[in-house]
């Protein structure tokens, strides 16, 4: 990605055990992906629109959300902790 730079150091910061699976993603997509931070001040970098709180979910979307949550919860004991952030220090190649 950075042809003029070489990697000098890599460090991992924090730890998370959150994970998901394709079925949970599928059901959460059907539910309209209702969770997220809707109070950020930045506009969308693609279209420039401000982020809006989604409309109230219907019964089917609430059921899909519940199914997705159950699927993620069932997978949680199998999830391995992984770094939350990766910091990479590049230096300009000489």
PDB file of N, CA and C in Angstrom:
ATOM      1  N   UNK A   1       0.817  -1.206   0.000  1.00  0.00           N
ATOM      2  CA  UNK A   1       0.000   0.000   0.000  1.00  0.00           C
ATOM      3  C   UNK A   1       0.855   1.262   0.000  1.00  0.00           C
ATOM      4  N   UNK A   2       1.990   1.210   0.666  1.00  0.00           N
ATOM      5  CA  UNK A   2       2.846   2.381   0.791  1.00  0.00           C
ATOM      6  C   UNK A   2       4.232   2.045   0.244  1.00  0.00           C
ATOM      7  N   UNK A   3       4.404   2.105  -1.059  1.00  0.00           N
ATOM      8  CA  UNK A   3       5.658   1.650  -1.666  1.00  0.00           C
ATOM      9  C   UNK A   3       6.889   2.446  -1.249  1.00  0.00           C
ATOM     10  N   UNK A   4       6.731   3.691  -0.835  1.00  0.00           N
ATOM     11  CA  UNK A   4       7.880   4.503  -0.444  1.00  0.00           C
ATOM     12  C   UNK A   4       8.254   4.324   1.027  1.00  0.00           C
ATOM     13  N   UNK A   5       7.519   3.502   1.757  1.00  0.00           N
ATOM     14  CA  UNK A   5       7.749   3.325   3.178  1.00  0.00           C
ATOM     15  C   UNK A   5       7.980   1.860   3.514  1.00  0.00           C
ATOM     16  N   UNK A   6       8.694   1.631   4.586  1.00  0.00           N
ATOM     17  CA  UNK A   6       8.856   0.264   5.088  1.00  0.00           C
ATOM     18  C   UNK A   6       8.299   0.204   6.510  1.00  0.00           C
ATOM     19  N   UNK A   7       7.861  -0.952   6.890  1.00  0.00           N
ATOM     20  CA  UNK A   7       7.285  -1.143   8.215  1.00  0.00           C
ATOM     21  C   UNK A   7       8.418  -1.256   9.243  1.00  0.00           C
ATOM     22  N   UNK A   8       8.389  -0.380  10.222  1.00  0.00           N
ATOM     23  CA  UNK A   8       9.434  -0.385  11.250  1.00  0.00           C
ATOM     24  C   UNK A   8       8.992  -1.140  12.497  1.00  0.00           C
ATOM     25  N   UNK A   9       7.709  -0.963  12.875  1.00  0.00           N
ATOM     26  CA  UNK A   9       7.239  -1.579  14.113  1.00  0.00           C
ATOM     27  C   UNK A   9       5.731  -1.800  14.046  1.00  0.00           C
ATOM     28  N   UNK A  10       5.266  -2.890  14.636  1.00  0.00           N
ATOM     29  CA  UNK A  10       3.839  -3.200  14.730  1.00  0.00           C
ATOM     30  C   UNK A  10       3.520  -3.493  16.187  1.00  0.00           C
ATOM     31  N   UNK A  11       2.499  -2.830  16.727  1.00  0.00           N
ATOM     32  CA  UNK A  11       2.057  -3.109  18.095  1.00  0.00           C
ATOM     33  C   UNK A  11       0.543  -3.304  18.084  1.00  0.00           C
ATOM     34  N   UNK A  12       0.078  -4.090  19.013  1.00  0.00           N
ATOM     35  CA  UNK A  12      -1.352  -4.369  19.154  1.00  0.00           C
ATOM     36  C   UNK A  12      -1.836  -3.734  20.450  1.00  0.00           C
ATOM     37  N   UNK A  13      -2.965  -3.038  20.378  1.00  0.00           N
ATOM     38  CA  UNK A  13      -3.475  -2.290  21.512  1.00  0.00           C
ATOM     39  C   UNK A  13      -4.879  -2.785  21.855  1.00  0.00           C
ATOM     40  N   UNK A  14      -5.109  -3.031  23.125  1.00  0.00           N
ATOM     41  CA  UNK A  14      -6.423  -3.449  23.577  1.00  0.00           C
ATOM     42  C   UNK A  14      -6.754  -4.865  23.165  1.00  0.00           C
ATOM     43  N   UNK A  15      -7.882  -5.337  23.635  1.00  0.00           N
ATOM     44  CA  UNK A  15      -8.316  -6.691  23.323  1.00  0.00           C
ATOM     45  C   UNK A  15      -9.833  -6.726  23.248  1.00  0.00           C
ATOM     46  N   UNK A  16     -10.338  -7.466  22.281  1.00  0.00           N
ATOM     47  CA  UNK A  16     -11.780  -7.616  22.108  1.00  0.00           C
ATOM     48  C   UNK A  16     -12.087  -9.081  21.831  1.00  0.00           C
ATOM     49  N   UNK A  17     -13.255  -9.519  22.240  1.00  0.00           N
ATOM     50  CA  UNK A  17     -13.667 -10.886  21.927  1.00  0.00           C
ATOM     51  C   UNK A  17     -14.948 -10.897  21.100  1.00  0.00           C
ATOM     52  N   UNK A  18     -15.334  -9.719  20.621  1.00  0.00           N
ATOM     53  CA  UNK A  18     -16.534  -9.621  19.794  1.00  0.00           C
ATOM     54  C   UNK A  18     -16.283 -10.269  18.440  1.00  0.00           C
ATOM     55  N   UNK A  19     -17.262 -11.007  17.977  1.00  0.00           N
ATOM     56  CA  UNK A  19     -17.184 -11.612  16.655  1.00  0.00           C
ATOM     57  C   UNK A  19     -18.597 -11.831  16.143  1.00  0.00           C
ATOM     58  N   UNK A  20     -18.706 -12.200  14.909  1.00  0.00           N
ATOM     59  CA  UNK A  20     -20.023 -12.473  14.342  1.00  0.00           C
ATOM     60  C   UNK A  20     -19.881 -13.611  13.340  1.00  0.00           C
ATOM     61  N   UNK A  21     -20.982 -13.978  12.733  1.00  0.00           N
ATOM     62  CA  UNK A  21     -20.975 -15.032  11.725  1.00  0.00           C
ATOM     63  C   UNK A  21     -21.925 -14.633  10.605  1.00  0.00           C
ATOM     64  N   UNK A  22     -21.854 -15.326   9.500  1.00  0.00           N
ATOM     65  CA  UNK A  22     -22.624 -14.952   8.312  1.00  0.00           C
ATOM     66  C   UNK A  22     -24.134 -14.968   8.565  1.00  0.00           C
ATOM     67  N   UNK A  23     -24.615 -15.929   9.338  1.00  0.00           N
ATOM     68  CA  UNK A  23     -26.060 -16.005   9.597  1.00  0.00           C
ATOM     69  C   UNK A  23     -26.524 -14.823  10.452  1.00  0.00           C
ATOM     70  N   UNK A  24     -25.748 -14.465  11.474  1.00  0.00           N
ATOM     71  CA  UNK A  24     -26.114 -13.329  12.317  1.00  0.00           C
ATOM     72  C   UNK A  24     -26.102 -12.040  11.501  1.00  0.00           C
ATOM     73  N   UNK A  25     -25.118 -11.889  10.622  1.00  0.00           N
ATOM     74  CA  UNK A  25     -25.052 -10.706   9.753  1.00  0.00           C
ATOM     75  C   UNK A  25     -26.272 -10.661   8.838  1.00  0.00           C
ATOM     76  N   UNK A  26     -26.635 -11.807   8.274  1.00  0.00           N
ATOM     77  CA  UNK A  26     -27.799 -11.885   7.385  1.00  0.00           C
ATOM     78  C   UNK A  26     -29.064 -11.416   8.105  1.00  0.00           C
ATOM     79  N   UNK A  27     -29.301 -11.935   9.311  1.00  0.00           N
ATOM     80  CA  UNK A  27     -30.513 -11.551  10.044  1.00  0.00           C
ATOM     81  C   UNK A  27     -30.469 -10.096  10.510  1.00  0.00           C
ATOM     82  N   UNK A  28     -29.289  -9.608  10.888  1.00  0.00           N
ATOM     83  CA  UNK A  28     -29.192  -8.213  11.305  1.00  0.00           C
ATOM     84  C   UNK A  28     -29.409  -7.289  10.108  1.00  0.00           C
ATOM     85  N   UNK A  29     -28.974  -7.698   8.916  1.00  0.00           N
ATOM     86  CA  UNK A  29     -29.267  -6.918   7.707  1.00  0.00           C
ATOM     87  C   UNK A  29     -30.773  -6.869   7.449  1.00  0.00           C
ATOM     88  N   UNK A  30     -31.447  -8.012   7.612  1.00  0.00           N
ATOM     89  CA  UNK A  30     -32.907  -8.039   7.450  1.00  0.00           C
ATOM     90  C   UNK A  30     -33.590  -7.138   8.482  1.00  0.00           C
ATOM     91  N   UNK A  31     -32.986  -7.024   9.658  1.00  0.00           N
ATOM     92  CA  UNK A  31     -33.551  -6.205  10.732  1.00  0.00           C
ATOM     93  C   UNK A  31     -33.291  -4.719  10.508  1.00  0.00           C
ATOM     94  N   UNK A  32     -32.466  -4.380   9.515  1.00  0.00           N
ATOM     95  CA  UNK A  32     -32.179  -2.978   9.242  1.00  0.00           C
ATOM     96  C   UNK A  32     -30.975  -2.448  10.006  1.00  0.00           C
ATOM     97  N   UNK A  33     -30.169  -3.342  10.593  1.00  0.00           N
ATOM     98  CA  UNK A  33     -28.989  -2.941  11.366  1.00  0.00           C
ATOM     99  C   UNK A  33     -29.319  -1.789  12.314  1.00  0.00           C
ATOM    100  N   UNK A  34     -30.167  -2.062  13.320  1.00  0.00           N
ATOM    101  CA  UNK A  34     -30.674  -0.984  14.167  1.00  0.00           C
ATOM    102  C   UNK A  34     -29.687  -0.406  15.176  1.00  0.00           C
ATOM    103  N   UNK A  35     -28.567  -1.074  15.425  1.00  0.00           N
ATOM    104  CA  UNK A  35     -27.655  -0.601  16.462  1.00  0.00           C
ATOM    105  C   UNK A  35     -26.492   0.153  15.861  1.00  0.00           C
ATOM    106  N   UNK A  36     -26.090   1.190  16.532  1.00  0.00           N
ATOM    107  CA  UNK A  36     -24.959   1.980  16.066  1.00  0.00           C
ATOM    108  C   UNK A  36     -24.938   3.314  16.783  1.00  0.00           C
ATOM    109  N   UNK A  37     -23.945   4.115  16.475  1.00  0.00           N
ATOM    110  CA  UNK A  37     -23.862   5.447  17.062  1.00  0.00           C
ATOM    111  C   UNK A  37     -24.507   6.421  16.091  1.00  0.00           C
ATOM    112  N   UNK A  38     -25.588   7.007  16.505  1.00  0.00           N
ATOM    113  CA  UNK A  38     -26.314   7.926  15.637  1.00  0.00           C
ATOM    114  C   UNK A  38     -26.170   9.370  16.096  1.00  0.00           C
ATOM    115  N   UNK A  39     -25.193   9.632  16.977  1.00  0.00           N
ATOM    116  CA  UNK A  39     -25.014  10.984  17.477  1.00  0.00           C
ATOM    117  C   UNK A  39     -23.697  11.620  17.031  1.00  0.00           C
ATOM    118  N   UNK A  40     -23.041  11.024  16.040  1.00  0.00           N
ATOM    119  CA  UNK A  40     -21.783  11.609  15.593  1.00  0.00           C
ATOM    120  C   UNK A  40     -22.048  12.871  14.785  1.00  0.00           C
ATOM    121  N   UNK A  41     -21.067  13.767  14.788  1.00  0.00           N
ATOM    122  CA  UNK A  41     -21.236  15.060  14.137  1.00  0.00           C
ATOM    123  C   UNK A  41     -20.786  15.067  12.683  1.00  0.00           C
ATOM    124  N   UNK A  42     -19.986  14.070  12.282  1.00  0.00           N
ATOM    125  CA  UNK A  42     -19.479  14.049  10.913  1.00  0.00           C
ATOM    126  C   UNK A  42     -20.555  13.568   9.940  1.00  0.00           C
ATOM    127  N   UNK A  43     -20.522  14.142   8.760  1.00  0.00           N
ATOM    128  CA  UNK A  43     -21.435  13.706   7.701  1.00  0.00           C
ATOM    129  C   UNK A  43     -20.827  12.493   6.997  1.00  0.00           C
ATOM    130  N   UNK A  44     -21.626  11.803   6.222  1.00  0.00           N
ATOM    131  CA  UNK A  44     -21.165  10.656   5.437  1.00  0.00           C
ATOM    132  C   UNK A  44     -20.098  11.125   4.452  1.00  0.00           C
ATOM    133  N   UNK A  45     -18.968  10.410   4.405  1.00  0.00           N
ATOM    134  CA  UNK A  45     -17.898  10.814   3.489  1.00  0.00           C
ATOM    135  C   UNK A  45     -18.246  10.493   2.035  1.00  0.00           C
ATOM    136  N   UNK A  46     -19.259   9.652   1.829  1.00  0.00           N
ATOM    137  CA  UNK A  46     -19.651   9.286   0.461  1.00  0.00           C
ATOM    138  C   UNK A  46     -20.669  10.274  -0.115  1.00  0.00           C
ATOM    139  N   UNK A  47     -21.741  10.555   0.649  1.00  0.00           N
ATOM    140  CA  UNK A  47     -22.821  11.376   0.095  1.00  0.00           C
ATOM    141  C   UNK A  47     -22.984  12.735   0.778  1.00  0.00           C
ATOM    142  N   UNK A  48     -22.323  12.947   1.932  1.00  0.00           N
ATOM    143  CA  UNK A  48     -22.415  14.229   2.616  1.00  0.00           C
ATOM    144  C   UNK A  48     -23.621  14.379   3.534  1.00  0.00           C
ATOM    145  N   UNK A  49     -24.501  13.384   3.574  1.00  0.00           N
ATOM    146  CA  UNK A  49     -25.694  13.449   4.424  1.00  0.00           C
ATOM    147  C   UNK A  49     -25.329  13.206   5.890  1.00  0.00           C
ATOM    148  N   UNK A  50     -26.078  13.830   6.784  1.00  0.00           N
ATOM    149  CA  UNK A  50     -25.899  13.585   8.212  1.00  0.00           C
ATOM    150  C   UNK A  50     -26.562  12.251   8.565  1.00  0.00           C
ATOM    151  N   UNK A  51     -26.011  11.569   9.535  1.00  0.00           N
ATOM    152  CA  UNK A  51     -26.555  10.292   9.974  1.00  0.00           C
ATOM    153  C   UNK A  51     -27.865  10.528  10.711  1.00  0.00           C
ATOM    154  N   UNK A  52     -28.878   9.757  10.366  1.00  0.00           N
ATOM    155  CA  UNK A  52     -30.205   9.916  10.978  1.00  0.00           C
ATOM    156  C   UNK A  52     -30.561   8.663  11.762  1.00  0.00           C
ATOM    157  N   UNK A  53     -31.303   8.845  12.830  1.00  0.00           N
ATOM    158  CA  UNK A  53     -31.781   7.711  13.609  1.00  0.00           C
ATOM    159  C   UNK A  53     -32.755   6.926  12.734  1.00  0.00           C
ATOM    160  N   UNK A  54     -32.602   5.590  12.678  1.00  0.00           N
ATOM    161  CA  UNK A  54     -33.480   4.802  11.807  1.00  0.00           C
ATOM    162  C   UNK A  54     -34.924   4.828  12.313  1.00  0.00           C
ATOM    163  N   UNK A  55     -35.888   4.596  11.418  1.00  0.00           N
ATOM    164  CA  UNK A  55     -37.285   4.566  11.843  1.00  0.00           C
ATOM    165  C   UNK A  55     -37.554   3.361  12.752  1.00  0.00           C
ATOM    166  N   UNK A  56     -38.645   3.389  13.462  1.00  0.00           N
ATOM    167  CA  UNK A  56     -39.041   2.287  14.339  1.00  0.00           C
ATOM    168  C   UNK A  56     -39.122   0.996  13.529  1.00  0.00           C
ATOM    169  N   UNK A  57     -38.593  -0.065  14.099  1.00  0.00           N
ATOM    170  CA  UNK A  57     -38.608  -1.355  13.410  1.00  0.00           C
ATOM    171  C   UNK A  57     -39.987  -1.996  13.514  1.00  0.00           C
ATOM    172  N   UNK A  58     -40.347  -2.764  12.468  1.00  0.00           N
ATOM    173  CA  UNK A  58     -41.614  -3.488  12.513  1.00  0.00           C
ATOM    174  C   UNK A  58     -41.407  -4.818  13.252  1.00  0.00           C
ATOM    175  N   UNK A  59     -42.467  -5.588  13.421  1.00  0.00           N
ATOM    176  CA  UNK A  59     -42.400  -6.831  14.188  1.00  0.00           C
ATOM    177  C   UNK A  59     -41.402  -7.817  13.586  1.00  0.00           C
ATOM    178  N   UNK A  60     -41.418  -7.975  12.268  1.00  0.00           N
ATOM    179  CA  UNK A  60     -40.490  -8.909  11.613  1.00  0.00           C
ATOM    180  C   UNK A  60     -39.045  -8.493  11.870  1.00  0.00           C
ATOM    181  N   UNK A  61     -38.752  -7.192  11.791  1.00  0.00           N
ATOM    182  CA  UNK A  61     -37.390  -6.718  12.032  1.00  0.00           C
ATOM    183  C   UNK A  61     -36.966  -6.967  13.483  1.00  0.00           C
ATOM    184  N   UNK A  62     -37.890  -6.829  14.401  1.00  0.00           N
ATOM    185  CA  UNK A  62     -37.573  -7.102  15.807  1.00  0.00           C
ATOM    186  C   UNK A  62     -37.267  -8.590  16.016  1.00  0.00           C
ATOM    187  N   UNK A  63     -37.999  -9.443  15.316  1.00  0.00           N
ATOM    188  CA  UNK A  63     -37.737 -10.891  15.398  1.00  0.00           C
ATOM    189  C   UNK A  63     -36.381 -11.207  14.782  1.00  0.00           C
ATOM    190  N   UNK A  64     -36.067 -10.605  13.630  1.00  0.00           N
ATOM    191  CA  UNK A  64     -34.761 -10.826  13.002  1.00  0.00           C
ATOM    192  C   UNK A  64     -33.623 -10.366  13.906  1.00  0.00           C
ATOM    193  N   UNK A  65     -33.824  -9.239  14.603  1.00  0.00           N
ATOM    194  CA  UNK A  65     -32.812  -8.742  15.540  1.00  0.00           C
ATOM    195  C   UNK A  65     -32.588  -9.760  16.648  1.00  0.00           C
ATOM    196  N   UNK A  66     -33.666 -10.314  17.175  1.00  0.00           N
ATOM    197  CA  UNK A  66     -33.565 -11.304  18.259  1.00  0.00           C
ATOM    198  C   UNK A  66     -32.838 -12.559  17.790  1.00  0.00           C
ATOM    199  N   UNK A  67     -33.174 -13.037  16.590  1.00  0.00           N
ATOM    200  CA  UNK A  67     -32.506 -14.230  16.047  1.00  0.00           C
ATOM    201  C   UNK A  67     -31.010 -13.961  15.882  1.00  0.00           C
ATOM    202  N   UNK A  68     -30.656 -12.800  15.324  1.00  0.00           N
ATOM    203  CA  UNK A  68     -29.240 -12.450  15.139  1.00  0.00           C
ATOM    204  C   UNK A  68     -28.522 -12.387  16.480  1.00  0.00           C
ATOM    205  N   UNK A  69     -29.162 -11.824  17.483  1.00  0.00           N
ATOM    206  CA  UNK A  69     -28.555 -11.730  18.815  1.00  0.00           C
ATOM    207  C   UNK A  69     -28.322 -13.111  19.405  1.00  0.00           C
ATOM    208  N   UNK A  70     -29.284 -14.008  19.250  1.00  0.00           N
ATOM    209  CA  UNK A  70     -29.120 -15.381  19.753  1.00  0.00           C
ATOM    210  C   UNK A  70     -27.970 -16.096  19.042  1.00  0.00           C
ATOM    211  N   UNK A  71     -27.878 -15.908  17.729  1.00  0.00           N
ATOM    212  CA  UNK A  71     -26.792 -16.537  16.975  1.00  0.00           C
ATOM    213  C   UNK A  71     -25.427 -16.022  17.434  1.00  0.00           C
ATOM    214  N   UNK A  72     -25.313 -14.719  17.660  1.00  0.00           N
ATOM    215  CA  UNK A  72     -24.042 -14.159  18.140  1.00  0.00           C
ATOM    216  C   UNK A  72     -23.729 -14.639  19.556  1.00  0.00           C
ATOM    217  N   UNK A  73     -24.736 -14.689  20.391  1.00  0.00           N
ATOM    218  CA  UNK A  73     -24.532 -15.135  21.775  1.00  0.00           C
ATOM    219  C   UNK A  73     -24.095 -16.605  21.813  1.00  0.00           C
ATOM    220  N   UNK A  74     -24.634 -17.421  20.923  1.00  0.00           N
ATOM    221  CA  UNK A  74     -24.250 -18.833  20.880  1.00  0.00           C
ATOM    222  C   UNK A  74     -22.801 -19.003  20.448  1.00  0.00           C
ATOM    223  N   UNK A  75     -22.313 -18.089  19.634  1.00  0.00           N
ATOM    224  CA  UNK A  75     -20.945 -18.175  19.135  1.00  0.00           C
ATOM    225  C   UNK A  75     -19.928 -17.605  20.117  1.00  0.00           C
ATOM    226  N   UNK A  76     -20.347 -16.754  21.039  1.00  0.00           N
ATOM    227  CA  UNK A  76     -19.423 -16.046  21.924  1.00  0.00           C
ATOM    228  C   UNK A  76     -18.438 -16.955  22.659  1.00  0.00           C
ATOM    229  N   UNK A  77     -18.847 -18.105  23.202  1.00  0.00           N
ATOM    230  CA  UNK A  77     -17.860 -18.955  23.895  1.00  0.00           C
ATOM    231  C   UNK A  77     -16.753 -19.482  22.977  1.00  0.00           C
ATOM    232  N   UNK A  78     -16.991 -19.496  21.686  1.00  0.00           N
ATOM    233  CA  UNK A  78     -16.000 -19.998  20.737  1.00  0.00           C
ATOM    234  C   UNK A  78     -15.062 -18.913  20.219  1.00  0.00           C
ATOM    235  N   UNK A  79     -15.395 -17.652  20.497  1.00  0.00           N
ATOM    236  CA  UNK A  79     -14.606 -16.537  19.976  1.00  0.00           C
ATOM    237  C   UNK A  79     -13.314 -16.366  20.764  1.00  0.00           C
ATOM    238  N   UNK A  80     -12.216 -16.231  20.047  1.00  0.00           N
ATOM    239  CA  UNK A  80     -10.920 -16.003  20.686  1.00  0.00           C
ATOM    240  C   UNK A  80     -10.682 -14.499  20.811  1.00  0.00           C
ATOM    241  N   UNK A  81     -10.079 -14.066  21.901  1.00  0.00           N
ATOM    242  CA  UNK A  81      -9.730 -12.643  22.007  1.00  0.00           C
ATOM    243  C   UNK A  81      -8.741 -12.257  20.898  1.00  0.00           C
ATOM    244  N   UNK A  82      -8.891 -11.047  20.394  1.00  0.00           N
ATOM    245  CA  UNK A  82      -8.016 -10.542  19.351  1.00  0.00           C
ATOM    246  C   UNK A  82      -7.738  -9.064  19.614  1.00  0.00           C
ATOM    247  N   UNK A  83      -6.661  -8.525  19.021  1.00  0.00           N
ATOM    248  CA  UNK A  83      -6.347  -7.108  19.244  1.00  0.00           C
ATOM    249  C   UNK A  83      -7.475  -6.198  18.778  1.00  0.00           C
ATOM    250  N   UNK A  84      -7.672  -5.133  19.515  1.00  0.00           N
ATOM    251  CA  UNK A  84      -8.695  -4.162  19.174  1.00  0.00           C
ATOM    252  C   UNK A  84      -8.185  -3.173  18.124  1.00  0.00           C
ATOM    253  N   UNK A  85      -6.907  -2.803  18.230  1.00  0.00           N
ATOM    254  CA  UNK A  85      -6.281  -1.869  17.307  1.00  0.00           C
ATOM    255  C   UNK A  85      -4.908  -2.390  16.916  1.00  0.00           C
ATOM    256  N   UNK A  86      -4.489  -2.076  15.715  1.00  0.00           N
ATOM    257  CA  UNK A  86      -3.137  -2.386  15.266  1.00  0.00           C
ATOM    258  C   UNK A  86      -2.468  -1.065  14.933  1.00  0.00           C
ATOM    259  N   UNK A  87      -1.351  -0.785  15.596  1.00  0.00           N
ATOM    260  CA  UNK A  87      -0.573   0.431  15.301  1.00  0.00           C
ATOM    261  C   UNK A  87       0.653   0.022  14.507  1.00  0.00           C
ATOM    262  N   UNK A  88       0.880   0.679  13.389  1.00  0.00           N
ATOM    263  CA  UNK A  88       2.032   0.370  12.547  1.00  0.00           C
ATOM    264  C   UNK A  88       2.833   1.657  12.354  1.00  0.00           C
ATOM    265  N   UNK A  89       4.112   1.567  12.640  1.00  0.00           N
ATOM    266  CA  UNK A  89       5.014   2.685  12.431  1.00  0.00           C
ATOM    267  C   UNK A  89       5.765   2.451  11.139  1.00  0.00           C
ATOM    268  N   UNK A  90       5.582   3.358  10.193  1.00  0.00           N
ATOM    269  CA  UNK A  90       6.282   3.284   8.912  1.00  0.00           C
ATOM    270  C   UNK A  90       7.436   4.271   8.916  1.00  0.00           C
ATOM    271  N   UNK A  91       8.465   3.944   8.172  1.00  0.00           N
ATOM    272  CA  UNK A  91       9.526   4.908   7.958  1.00  0.00           C
ATOM    273  C   UNK A  91       9.821   4.979   6.471  1.00  0.00           C
ATOM    274  N   UNK A  92      10.212   6.155   6.043  1.00  0.00           N
ATOM    275  CA  UNK A  92      10.456   6.374   4.622  1.00  0.00           C
ATOM    276  C   UNK A  92      11.719   5.613   4.209  1.00  0.00           C
ATOM    277  N   UNK A  93      11.590   4.831   3.145  1.00  0.00           N
ATOM    278  CA  UNK A  93      12.719   4.061   2.647  1.00  0.00           C
ATOM    279  C   UNK A  93      13.773   4.999   2.059  1.00  0.00           C
ATOM    280  N   UNK A  94      15.009   4.634   2.258  1.00  0.00           N
ATOM    281  CA  UNK A  94      16.078   5.504   1.750  1.00  0.00           C
ATOM    282  C   UNK A  94      16.628   5.016   0.433  1.00  0.00           C
TER     283      UNK A  94
END
